[in-house]
C-alpha atoms as a PDB file:
ATOM      1  CA  MET A   1      29.799   5.151   4.842  1.00  0.00           C
ATOM      2  CA  THR A   2      27.636   2.588   3.013  1.00  0.00           C
ATOM      3  CA  ASN A   3      25.163   4.463   2.401  1.00  0.00           C
ATOM      4  CA  ARG A   4      20.979   2.326   1.565  1.00  0.00           C
ATOM      5  CA  LYS A   5      22.110   1.260  -1.863  1.00  0.00           C
ATOM      6  CA  ASP A   6      24.416  -0.429  -1.042  1.00  0.00           C
ATOM      7  CA  VAL A   7      22.897  -2.454   1.311  1.00  0.00           C
ATOM      8  CA  PHE A   8      19.962  -3.035  -0.417  1.00  0.00           C
ATOM      9  CA  ASN A   9      22.699  -4.882  -2.856  1.00  0.00           C
ATOM     10  CA  LYS A  10      23.831  -6.828   0.061  1.00  0.00           C
ATOM     11  CA  LEU A  11      20.656  -7.973   1.293  1.00  0.00           C
ATOM     12  CA  ASN A  12      19.068  -8.076  -2.784  1.00  0.00           C
ATOM     13  CA  ALA A  13      22.111 -10.508  -3.349  1.00  0.00           C
ATOM     14  CA  THR A  14      20.751 -13.237  -1.189  1.00  0.00           C
ATOM     15  CA  LYS A  15      17.549 -13.681  -2.883  1.00  0.00           C
ATOM     16  CA  LYS A  16      14.661 -13.691  -0.126  1.00  0.00           C
ATOM     17  CA  LEU A  17      12.943 -10.054  -0.051  1.00  0.00           C
ATOM     18  CA  PRO A  18       9.696 -10.406  -1.209  1.00  0.00           C
ATOM     19  CA  THR A  19       9.634 -10.474  -4.660  1.00  0.00           C
ATOM     20  CA  PRO A  20       7.629  -9.955  -7.711  1.00  0.00           C
ATOM     21  CA  SER A  21       6.577 -13.347  -9.633  1.00  0.00           C
ATOM     22  CA  ARG A  22       7.521 -14.830 -13.002  1.00  0.00           C
ATOM     23  CA  THR A  23       5.000 -13.925 -14.556  1.00  0.00           C
ATOM     24  CA  ALA A  24       4.693 -10.142 -12.983  1.00  0.00           C
ATOM     25  CA  LEU A  25       8.682  -9.848 -13.988  1.00  0.00           C
ATOM     26  CA  GLU A  26       7.354 -10.623 -17.048  1.00  0.00           C
ATOM     27  CA  VAL A  27       4.014  -8.326 -17.743  1.00  0.00           C
ATOM     28  CA  MET A  28       6.336  -5.433 -16.779  1.00  0.00           C
ATOM     29  CA  ARG A  29       9.029  -5.868 -18.697  1.00  0.00           C
ATOM     30  CA  LEU A  30       6.862  -5.938 -21.198  1.00  0.00           C
ATOM     31  CA  CYS A  31       4.975  -2.953 -20.519  1.00  0.00           C
ATOM     32  CA  HIS A  32       8.683  -0.655 -20.167  1.00  0.00           C
ATOM     33  CA  SER A  33       8.714  -2.457 -24.290  1.00  0.00           C
ATOM     34  CA  ASP A  34       7.338   0.528 -26.594  1.00  0.00           C
ATOM     35  CA  THR A  35       6.144  -2.403 -28.954  1.00  0.00           C
ATOM     36  CA  ALA A  36       4.064  -4.796 -26.956  1.00  0.00           C
ATOM     37  CA  SER A  37       0.130  -5.164 -26.624  1.00  0.00           C
ATOM     38  CA  LEU A  38      -2.051  -4.757 -23.839  1.00  0.00           C
ATOM     39  CA  ASN A  39      -3.193  -9.018 -25.866  1.00  0.00           C
ATOM     40  CA  GLU A  40       0.365  -9.598 -25.028  1.00  0.00           C
ATOM     41  CA  VAL A  41       0.231  -8.744 -21.797  1.00  0.00           C
ATOM     42  CA  ALA A  42      -3.248 -10.499 -21.417  1.00  0.00           C
ATOM     43  CA  GLN A  43      -1.404 -13.676 -22.844  1.00  0.00           C
ATOM     44  CA  VAL A  44       0.992 -13.286 -20.217  1.00  0.00           C
ATOM     45  CA  ILE A  45      -1.363 -13.072 -17.010  1.00  0.00           C
ATOM     46  CA  GLN A  46      -2.925 -16.407 -18.653  1.00  0.00           C
ATOM     47  CA  THR A  47      -0.152 -18.673 -17.984  1.00  0.00           C
ATOM     48  CA  ASP A  48      -1.274 -18.322 -14.511  1.00  0.00           C
ATOM     49  CA  PRO A  49      -4.649 -19.074 -12.849  1.00  0.00           C
ATOM     50  CA  ALA A  50      -4.197 -17.252 -10.037  1.00  0.00           C
ATOM     51  CA  LEU A  51      -3.269 -14.097 -10.801  1.00  0.00           C
ATOM     52  CA  SER A  52      -6.140 -13.471 -13.707  1.00  0.00           C
ATOM     53  CA  ALA A  53      -8.668 -14.720 -11.157  1.00  0.00           C
ATOM     54  CA  GLU A  54      -7.376 -11.657  -8.903  1.00  0.00           C
ATOM     55  CA  LEU A  55      -7.007  -9.053 -11.749  1.00  0.00           C
ATOM     56  CA  LEU A  56     -10.724 -10.511 -12.654  1.00  0.00           C
ATOM     57  CA  LYS A  57     -12.501  -9.851  -9.227  1.00  0.00           C
ATOM     58  CA  PHE A  58     -10.382  -6.372  -9.205  1.00  0.00           C
ATOM     59  CA  ALA A  59     -11.837  -5.737 -12.673  1.00  0.00           C
ATOM     60  CA  ASN A  60     -14.884  -7.277 -11.477  1.00  0.00           C
ATOM     61  CA  SER A  61     -15.341  -5.483  -7.880  1.00  0.00           C
ATOM     62  CA  ALA A  62     -17.859  -3.176  -6.999  1.00  0.00           C
ATOM     63  CA  PHE A  63     -15.522  -0.159  -6.476  1.00  0.00           C
ATOM     64  CA  LEU A  64     -15.022  -0.544 -10.189  1.00  0.00           C
ATOM     65  CA  ALA A  65     -18.425  -0.904 -11.506  1.00  0.00           C
ATOM     66  CA  THR A  66     -19.284   0.306 -14.727  1.00  0.00           C
ATOM     67  CA  GLY A  67     -22.260  -2.054 -15.254  1.00  0.00           C
ATOM     68  CA  ILE A  68     -20.211  -4.083 -17.638  1.00  0.00           C
ATOM     69  CA  GLN A  69     -18.849  -7.368 -16.536  1.00  0.00           C
ATOM     70  CA  VAL A  70     -15.968  -9.016 -18.328  1.00  0.00           C
ATOM     71  CA  ALA A  71     -15.208 -12.746 -18.007  1.00  0.00           C
ATOM     72  CA  SER A  72     -11.382 -12.956 -19.697  1.00  0.00           C
ATOM     73  CA  ILE A  73      -8.087 -11.391 -19.506  1.00  0.00           C
ATOM     74  CA  GLN A  74      -8.478  -9.306 -22.145  1.00  0.00           C
ATOM     75  CA  LYS A  75     -11.202  -7.840 -21.163  1.00  0.00           C
ATOM     76  CA  ALA A  76      -9.419  -7.742 -18.162  1.00  0.00           C
ATOM     77  CA  THR A  77      -6.412  -5.618 -19.712  1.00  0.00           C
ATOM     78  CA  VAL A  78      -8.559  -3.448 -22.080  1.00  0.00           C
ATOM     79  CA  LYS A  79     -11.125  -1.876 -18.858  1.00  0.00           C
ATOM     80  CA  LEU A  80      -8.478  -1.525 -16.410  1.00  0.00           C
ATOM     81  CA  GLY A  81      -5.420  -0.563 -19.174  1.00  0.00           C
ATOM     82  CA  MET A  82      -1.603  -0.973 -19.236  1.00  0.00           C
ATOM     83  CA  LYS A  83       0.054   0.182 -16.551  1.00  0.00           C
ATOM     84  CA  THR A  84      -2.368  -0.267 -14.220  1.00  0.00           C
ATOM     85  CA  VAL A  85      -3.030  -4.222 -15.038  1.00  0.00           C
ATOM     86  CA  VAL A  86       1.212  -3.720 -14.877  1.00  0.00           C
ATOM     87  CA  ASN A  87       0.914  -2.604 -10.825  1.00  0.00           C
ATOM     88  CA  LEU A  88      -2.062  -4.370  -9.989  1.00  0.00           C
ATOM     89  CA  VAL A  89       0.242  -7.516 -11.294  1.00  0.00           C
ATOM     90  CA  LEU A  90       2.892  -6.780  -9.040  1.00  0.00           C
ATOM     91  CA  CYS A  91       0.651  -5.880  -6.077  1.00  0.00           C
ATOM     92  CA  PHE A  92      -1.463  -9.634  -6.046  1.00  0.00           C
ATOM     93  CA  SER A  93       1.700 -11.148  -6.516  1.00  0.00           C
ATOM     94  CA  LEU A  94       3.487  -9.965  -3.441  1.00  0.00           C
ATOM     95  CA  LEU A  95       0.279 -10.687  -1.695  1.00  0.00           C
ATOM     96  CA  SER A  96      -0.303 -13.797  -2.932  1.00  0.00           C
ATOM     97  CA  THR A  97       2.682 -14.993  -1.565  1.00  0.00           C
ATOM     98  CA  HIS A  98       3.603 -13.446   1.650  1.00  0.00           C
ATOM     99  CA  LYS A  99       0.690 -13.530   3.893  1.00  0.00           C
ATOM    100  CA  ASN A 100       2.822 -15.443   5.543  1.00  0.00           C
ATOM    101  CA  GLY A 101       5.916 -15.619   7.445  1.00  0.00           C
ATOM    102  CA  LYS A 102       8.122 -17.477   9.867  1.00  0.00           C
ATOM    103  CA  CYS A 103       8.536 -13.823  11.778  1.00  0.00           C
ATOM    104  CA  PRO A 104       6.230 -14.757  15.099  1.00  0.00           C
ATOM    105  CA  GLU A 105       6.345 -11.080  16.487  1.00  0.00           C
ATOM    106  CA  PHE A 106       5.699  -9.613  13.047  1.00  0.00           C
ATOM    107  CA  ASP A 107       1.454  -9.899  12.476  1.00  0.00           C
ATOM    108  CA  TYR A 108       1.402 -10.809   8.741  1.00  0.00           C
ATOM    109  CA  GLY A 109      -3.144 -10.768   8.403  1.00  0.00           C
ATOM    110  CA  LYS A 110      -2.851  -7.170  10.588  1.00  0.00           C
ATOM    111  CA  PHE A 111       0.163  -5.958   8.049  1.00  0.00           C
ATOM    112  CA  TRP A 112      -1.793  -7.146   4.617  1.00  0.00           C
ATOM    113  CA  SER A 113      -5.174  -6.022   6.730  1.00  0.00           C
ATOM    114  CA  THR A 114      -3.785  -2.806   7.565  1.00  0.00           C
ATOM    115  CA  SER A 115      -1.917  -1.969   4.186  1.00  0.00           C
ATOM    116  CA  LEU A 116      -5.471  -2.781   2.133  1.00  0.00           C
ATOM    117  CA  ALA A 117      -7.290  -0.681   4.221  1.00  0.00           C
ATOM    118  CA  GLN A 118      -4.230   2.302   3.698  1.00  0.00           C
ATOM    119  CA  ALA A 119      -4.539   1.832  -0.494  1.00  0.00           C
ATOM    120  CA  ILE A 120      -8.635   2.145  -0.564  1.00  0.00           C
ATOM    121  CA  ALA A 121      -9.022   5.298   1.385  1.00  0.00           C
ATOM    122  CA  ALA A 122      -5.682   6.571  -0.211  1.00  0.00           C
ATOM    123  CA  LYS A 123      -7.630   5.983  -4.246  1.00  0.00           C
ATOM    124  CA  THR A 124     -10.696   6.606  -2.961  1.00  0.00           C
ATOM    125  CA  ILE A 125      -9.219  10.346  -1.449  1.00  0.00           C
ATOM    126  CA  ALA A 126      -7.316  10.482  -4.681  1.00  0.00           C
ATOM    127  CA  GLY A 127      -9.996  10.058  -6.383  1.00  0.00           C
ATOM    128  CA  PHE A 128     -11.554  13.607  -5.372  1.00  0.00           C
ATOM    129  CA  GLY A 129      -9.682  15.276  -7.622  1.00  0.00           C
ATOM    130  CA  LYS A 130      -6.997  15.429 -10.954  1.00  0.00           C
ATOM    131  CA  GLU A 131      -3.736  14.891  -9.314  1.00  0.00           C
ATOM    132  CA  TYR A 132      -3.656  11.653  -9.426  1.00  0.00           C
ATOM    133  CA  ASP A 133      -4.546   8.587 -10.612  1.00  0.00           C
ATOM    134  CA  PRO A 134      -6.054   6.774  -8.068  1.00  0.00           C
ATOM    135  CA  ASP A 135      -5.421   3.275  -9.394  1.00  0.00           C
ATOM    136  CA  GLU A 136      -1.837   4.287  -8.841  1.00  0.00           C
ATOM    137  CA  ILE A 137      -1.938   5.466  -5.716  1.00  0.00           C
ATOM    138  CA  PHE A 138      -2.976   2.722  -4.382  1.00  0.00           C
ATOM    139  CA  VAL A 139      -0.500   0.677  -5.509  1.00  0.00           C
ATOM    140  CA  CYS A 140       1.315   2.747  -3.920  1.00  0.00           C
ATOM    141  CA  ALA A 141      -0.217   2.689  -1.025  1.00  0.00           C
ATOM    142  CA  LEU A 142      -0.549  -1.161  -0.551  1.00  0.00           C
ATOM    143  CA  LEU A 143       2.971  -1.860  -1.040  1.00  0.00           C
ATOM    144  CA  SER A 144       4.362   1.179   0.867  1.00  0.00           C
ATOM    145  CA  HIS A 145       4.487   0.134   4.016  1.00  0.00           C
ATOM    146  CA  MET A 146       6.954  -3.671   2.147  1.00  0.00           C
ATOM    147  CA  GLY A 147       9.799  -2.944   3.492  1.00  0.00           C
ATOM    148  CA  GLN A 148       9.138  -3.706   7.195  1.00  0.00           C
ATOM    149  CA  LEU A 149       7.597  -6.933   5.610  1.00  0.00           C
ATOM    150  CA  ALA A 150      11.445  -7.684   4.361  1.00  0.00           C
ATOM    151  CA  LEU A 151      12.388  -6.978   7.588  1.00  0.00           C
ATOM    152  CA  ALA A 152      10.271  -9.790   8.737  1.00  0.00           C
ATOM    153  CA  SER A 153      11.572 -11.878   5.557  1.00  0.00           C
ATOM    154  CA  LEU A 154      15.406 -11.598   5.554  1.00  0.00           C
ATOM    155  CA  PHE A 155      15.352 -11.719   9.844  1.00  0.00           C
ATOM    156  CA  PRO A 156      12.661 -12.908  10.625  1.00  0.00           C
ATOM    157  CA  HIS A 157      14.234 -14.421  14.761  1.00  0.00           C
ATOM    158  CA  GLU A 158      16.303 -11.013  14.810  1.00  0.00           C
ATOM    159  CA  TYR A 159      13.242  -8.622  13.553  1.00  0.00           C
ATOM    160  CA  ALA A 160      11.622 -10.520  16.055  1.00  0.00           C
ATOM    161  CA  GLY A 161      13.636  -8.508  18.355  1.00  0.00           C
ATOM    162  CA  VAL A 162      12.922  -5.671  17.028  1.00  0.00           C
ATOM    163  CA  LEU A 163       8.967  -6.105  17.252  1.00  0.00           C
ATOM    164  CA  VAL A 164       8.650  -7.072  20.943  1.00  0.00           C
ATOM    165  CA  GLU A 165       8.314  -3.579  22.515  1.00  0.00           C
ATOM    166  CA  LYS A 166       6.216  -2.557  20.211  1.00  0.00           C
ATOM    167  CA  PRO A 167       8.297   0.846  19.953  1.00  0.00           C
ATOM    168  CA  SER A 168       6.895   3.968  18.305  1.00  0.00           C
ATOM    169  CA  ILE A 169       7.822   4.185  14.127  1.00  0.00           C
ATOM    170  CA  GLU A 170      10.504   6.648  15.155  1.00  0.00           C
ATOM    171  CA  VAL A 171      11.924   3.770  17.528  1.00  0.00           C
ATOM    172  CA  ARG A 172      11.311   0.825  15.725  1.00  0.00           C
ATOM    173  CA  GLU A 173      13.103   2.353  12.834  1.00  0.00           C
ATOM    174  CA  ASN A 174      16.118   3.622  14.540  1.00  0.00           C
ATOM    175  CA  LEU A 175      16.100   0.039  15.964  1.00  0.00           C
ATOM    176  CA  GLU A 176      16.365  -1.432  12.307  1.00  0.00           C
ATOM    177  CA  ARG A 177      19.247   0.777  11.143  1.00  0.00           C
ATOM    178  CA  ALA A 178      21.463   0.149  14.577  1.00  0.00           C
ATOM    179  CA  GLN A 179      20.363  -3.364  13.900  1.00  0.00           C
ATOM    180  CA  PHE A 180      20.464  -3.655   9.657  1.00  0.00           C
ATOM    181  CA  GLY A 181      22.470  -0.870   7.957  1.00  0.00           C
ATOM    182  CA  ILE A 182      18.458   0.060   6.303  1.00  0.00           C
ATOM    183  CA  ASP A 183      15.197   1.166   8.287  1.00  0.00           C
ATOM    184  CA  SER A 184      12.055   0.088   7.136  1.00  0.00           C
ATOM    185  CA  GLY A 185      11.332   2.831   5.487  1.00  0.00           C
ATOM    186  CA  GLU A 186      13.920   3.082   3.001  1.00  0.00           C
ATOM    187  CA  LEU A 187      13.917  -0.396   2.603  1.00  0.00           C
ATOM    188  CA  THR A 188       9.992   0.171   0.450  1.00  0.00           C
ATOM    189  CA  THR A 189      12.053   3.895  -1.423  1.00  0.00           C
ATOM    190  CA  GLU A 190      15.139   0.602  -2.775  1.00  0.00           C
ATOM    191  CA  LEU A 191      11.737  -1.985  -3.488  1.00  0.00           C
ATOM    192  CA  PHE A 192       9.753   0.294  -5.286  1.00  0.00           C
ATOM    193  CA  LEU A 193      12.932   1.928  -7.910  1.00  0.00           C
ATOM    194  CA  ASP A 194      13.969  -2.364  -7.980  1.00  0.00           C
ATOM    195  CA  TRP A 195      10.324  -3.604  -9.249  1.00  0.00           C
ATOM    196  CA  GLY A 196      10.876   0.020 -11.395  1.00  0.00           C
ATOM    197  CA  LEU A 197       7.874   2.256 -10.003  1.00  0.00           C
ATOM    198  CA  PRO A 198       8.461   6.241 -10.371  1.00  0.00           C
ATOM    199  CA  ALA A 199      10.875   7.430  -8.701  1.00  0.00           C
ATOM    200  CA  PRO A 200       8.093   9.999  -6.508  1.00  0.00           C
ATOM    201  CA  TYR A 201       6.336   7.185  -5.031  1.00  0.00           C
ATOM    202  CA  ALA A 202       9.238   5.455  -4.055  1.00  0.00           C
ATOM    203  CA  LEU A 203      10.112   7.913  -1.837  1.00  0.00           C
ATOM    204  CA  ALA A 204       6.682   9.253  -0.695  1.00  0.00           C
ATOM    205  CA  ALA A 205       6.441   5.574  -0.203  1.00  0.00           C
ATOM    206  CA  GLY A 206       9.621   5.054   2.047  1.00  0.00           C
ATOM    207  CA  PHE A 207       9.112   7.925   3.586  1.00  0.00           C
ATOM    208  CA  HIS A 208       5.385   8.924   4.225  1.00  0.00           C
ATOM    209  CA  GLU A 209       5.647   8.448   7.302  1.00  0.00           C
ATOM    210  CA  ASP A 210       8.382  12.060   9.077  1.00  0.00           C
ATOM    211  CA  LEU A 211       6.604  14.330   6.491  1.00  0.00           C
ATOM    212  CA  GLY A 212       9.362  16.549   7.539  1.00  0.00           C
ATOM    213  CA  SER A 213      12.604  14.344   5.910  1.00  0.00           C
ATOM    214  CA  VAL A 214      14.691  15.916   3.786  1.00  0.00           C
ATOM    215  CA  GLU A 215      14.144  13.686   0.896  1.00  0.00           C
ATOM    216  CA  LEU A 216      10.577  14.111   0.175  1.00  0.00           C
ATOM    217  CA  GLY A 217      11.292  18.104  -0.608  1.00  0.00           C
ATOM    218  CA  GLU A 218       8.527  20.222  -1.320  1.00  0.00           C
ATOM    219  CA  SER A 219       7.315  18.681  -4.981  1.00  0.00           C
ATOM    220  CA  THR A 220       4.822  16.120  -5.842  1.00  0.00           C
ATOM    221  CA  THR A 221       7.023  13.695  -3.622  1.00  0.00           C
ATOM    222  CA  LYS A 222       5.299  16.218  -0.928  1.00  0.00           C
ATOM    223  CA  ARG A 223       2.094  15.572  -2.044  1.00  0.00           C
ATOM    224  CA  VAL A 224       2.344  11.831  -3.157  1.00  0.00           C
ATOM    225  CA  ALA A 225       3.189  11.183   0.563  1.00  0.00           C
ATOM    226  CA  GLU A 226       0.915  13.739   2.250  1.00  0.00           C
ATOM    227  CA  LEU A 227      -2.072  11.708   1.101  1.00  0.00           C
ATOM    228  CA  LEU A 228      -0.236   8.585   1.470  1.00  0.00           C
ATOM    229  CA  HIS A 229       0.612   9.449   5.611  1.00  0.00           C
ATOM    230  CA  LEU A 230      -3.737  10.928   5.818  1.00  0.00           C
ATOM    231  CA  SER A 231      -4.338   6.887   4.233  1.00  0.00           C
ATOM    232  CA  TYR A 232      -2.041   5.474   6.890  1.00  0.00           C
ATOM    233  CA  ARG A 233      -3.523   7.367   9.577  1.00  0.00           C
ATOM    234  CA  ILE A 234      -7.502   6.218   8.652  1.00  0.00           C
ATOM    235  CA  ALA A 235      -6.589   3.103   7.864  1.00  0.00           C
ATOM    236  CA  ARG A 236      -5.787   2.863  11.975  1.00  0.00           C
ATOM    237  CA  LEU A 237      -8.800   4.247  12.952  1.00  0.00           C
ATOM    238  CA  CYS A 238     -10.399   1.256  10.606  1.00  0.00           C
ATOM    239  CA  HIS A 239      -8.210  -0.599  12.697  1.00  0.00           C
ATOM    240  CA  GLY A 240      -9.304   0.858  16.443  1.00  0.00           C
ATOM    241  CA  VAL A 241      -6.837   3.206  17.272  1.00  0.00           C
ATOM    242  CA  LYS A 242      -8.088   5.838  19.027  1.00  0.00           C
ATOM    243  CA  PRO A 243      -6.653   9.428  18.128  1.00  0.00           C
ATOM    244  CA  SER A 244      -7.111  12.368  20.070  1.00  0.00           C
ATOM    245  CA  SER A 245      -9.086  14.915  18.974  1.00  0.00           C
ATOM    246  CA  GLN A 246      -6.090  16.856  17.622  1.00  0.00           C
ATOM    247  CA  GLN A 247      -5.663  13.922  15.952  1.00  0.00           C
ATOM    248  CA  ILE A 248      -8.866  14.025  14.338  1.00  0.00           C
ATOM    249  CA  ASP A 249      -8.585  17.717  12.973  1.00  0.00           C
ATOM    250  CA  MET A 250      -5.216  16.904  10.985  1.00  0.00           C
ATOM    251  CA  ILE A 251      -6.788  14.227   9.209  1.00  0.00           C
ATOM    252  CA  GLU A 252     -10.062  16.486   8.548  1.00  0.00           C
ATOM    253  CA  ASP A 253      -6.870  19.170   7.308  1.00  0.00           C
ATOM    254  CA  MET A 254      -5.578  16.910   5.610  1.00  0.00           C
ATOM    255  CA  ALA A 255      -8.714  15.626   3.521  1.00  0.00           C
ATOM    256  CA  HIS A 256      -9.972  19.148   3.172  1.00  0.00           C
ATOM    257  CA  GLY A 257      -6.255  19.783   1.830  1.00  0.00           C
ATOM    258  CA  PHE A 258      -7.555  16.909  -1.198  1.00  0.00           C
ATOM    259  CA  ASP A 259     -10.914  18.512  -2.069  1.00  0.00           C
ATOM    260  CA  VAL A 260     -13.446  16.846   0.364  1.00  0.00           C
ATOM    261  CA  VAL A 261     -15.651  18.472   2.438  1.00  0.00           C
ATOM    262  CA  LYS A 262     -15.259  18.590   5.693  1.00  0.00           C
ATOM    263  CA  GLY A 263     -18.661  18.331   6.044  1.00  0.00           C
ATOM    264  CA  ASP A 264     -18.890  15.833   3.958  1.00  0.00           C
ATOM    265  CA  PHE A 265     -15.290  13.056   4.999  1.00  0.00           C
ATOM    266  CA  SER A 266     -17.917  11.313   7.734  1.00  0.00           C
ATOM    267  CA  SER A 267     -19.890   9.587   5.127  1.00  0.00           C
ATOM    268  CA  ILE A 268     -16.260   9.285   3.262  1.00  0.00           C
ATOM    269  CA  PHE A 269     -14.719   7.226   5.847  1.00  0.00           C
ATOM    270  CA  ASP A 270     -17.557   4.796   6.313  1.00  0.00           C
ATOM    271  CA  ALA A 271     -17.762   4.256   2.706  1.00  0.00           C
ATOM    272  CA  ILE A 272     -13.516   3.206   3.032  1.00  0.00           C
ATOM    273  CA  VAL A 273     -14.470   1.446   5.924  1.00  0.00           C
ATOM    274  CA  GLY A 274     -17.237  -0.404   3.971  1.00  0.00           C
ATOM    275  CA  ARG A 275     -15.085  -0.899   0.701  1.00  0.00           C
ATOM    276  CA  TRP A 276     -12.858  -2.674   3.503  1.00  0.00           C
ATOM    277  CA  GLN A 277     -14.637  -4.952   4.242  1.00  0.00           C
ATOM    278  CA  GLU A 278     -16.236  -6.218   0.741  1.00  0.00           C
ATOM    279  CA  TRP A 279     -12.523  -6.789  -0.614  1.00  0.00           C
ATOM    280  CA  GLY A 280     -11.454  -8.209   2.913  1.00  0.00           C
ATOM    281  CA  GLU A 281     -13.490 -10.981   2.046  1.00  0.00           C
ATOM    282  CA  THR A 282     -12.756 -10.921  -1.880  1.00  0.00           C
ATOM    283  CA  PHE A 283      -9.519 -10.848  -1.976  1.00  0.00           C
ATOM    284  CA  ASN A 284      -9.136 -12.931   2.277  1.00  0.00           C
ATOM    285  CA  ILE A 285      -7.873 -10.093   4.267  1.00  0.00           C
ATOM    286  CA  PRO A 286      -8.530  -9.805   7.260  1.00  0.00           C
ATOM    287  CA  THR A 287     -10.539  -6.782   8.963  1.00  0.00           C
ATOM    288  CA  ARG A 288     -12.589  -6.745  11.470  1.00  0.00           C
ATOM    289  CA  GLN A 289     -15.708  -4.332  12.448  1.00  0.00           C
ATOM    290  CA  CYS A 290     -15.239  -0.536  12.665  1.00  0.00           C
ATOM    291  CA  PRO A 291     -17.502   2.290  14.568  1.00  0.00           C
ATOM    292  CA  LEU A 292     -18.893   5.271  12.315  1.00  0.00           C
ATOM    293  CA  TYR A 293     -16.991   8.117  12.030  1.00  0.00           C
ATOM    294  CA  ASP A 294     -19.654  10.380  14.525  1.00  0.00           C
ATOM    295  CA  GLU A 295     -19.012   7.454  16.774  1.00  0.00           C
ATOM    296  CA  ILE A 296     -15.381   7.331  16.671  1.00  0.00           C
ATOM    297  CA  LYS A 297     -15.488  11.514  17.077  1.00  0.00           C
ATOM    298  CA  ALA A 298     -17.661  11.327  20.036  1.00  0.00           C
ATOM    299  CA  GLY A 299     -15.499   8.797  21.667  1.00  0.00           C
ATOM    300  CA  VAL A 300     -13.188  10.843  21.270  1.00  0.00           C
ATOM    301  CA  SER A 301     -14.926  13.509  22.475  1.00  0.00           C
ATOM    302  CA  GLU A 302     -16.344  12.304  25.711  1.00  0.00           C
ATOM    303  CA  SER A 303     -12.270  11.222  26.710  1.00  0.00           C
ATOM    304  CA  ASP A 304     -11.015  15.303  26.037  1.00  0.00           C
END
């Protein structure tokens, strides 16, 4: 029986999967070297002006404000650290080359907008505890639906047929497996592994929409998946998806499980929306107006 690794290898051989730029790949190679220095990493990044600009925007963003602005890649790498720089270079190289595509039913703008909202939510929630590096979680969340983008890139017309009826997640994944031999979540996992990201993050990203999946186990992987699941639900609220009272309760309960005081969730959500809109403008990613959390919650109460 063909497994997902075999299917991924065949897809990867087409050279059409979303791939980091040459600069990003060289930075990733340096990161895995025992002798590479931050200065060497900075010198490589500087060969790509667009990537350099995105990294400087991130380092100087209000989200990371430390009171010290940086104007050089060398200073930015020192401020952020090698691991964070490598992950961000991976993100920005994929973002810059895949903002548009040929799949008519795939909303590229909404894809990156939702991914950005999820990443900011995940980073914000992660910051309340000490379990995870918030910047690593940001990257993991931002790329956690890359399998969908990959299928849209590989099979633009066929994937449009899958999406045209706007199926539920479960139905969509069943259609993906039937047509392509792999679903978008599994493909996300294989892409993460191929890019050298940690296995727990790869599995969490691929299966966070199904927390009951046996792939997650009960360890750190499951915990990261829960954080990604929560942040995705928050991102959907940012995009105007109307929740039920049960879904609101679940979101607040999950956030509480990551050390967020329930009474504080309203202000935290509103702050996430504000950062999402600011970052959308900075990185040219579309966002939308979103009601305050208390207004969303009041609307749910009125409809019950």
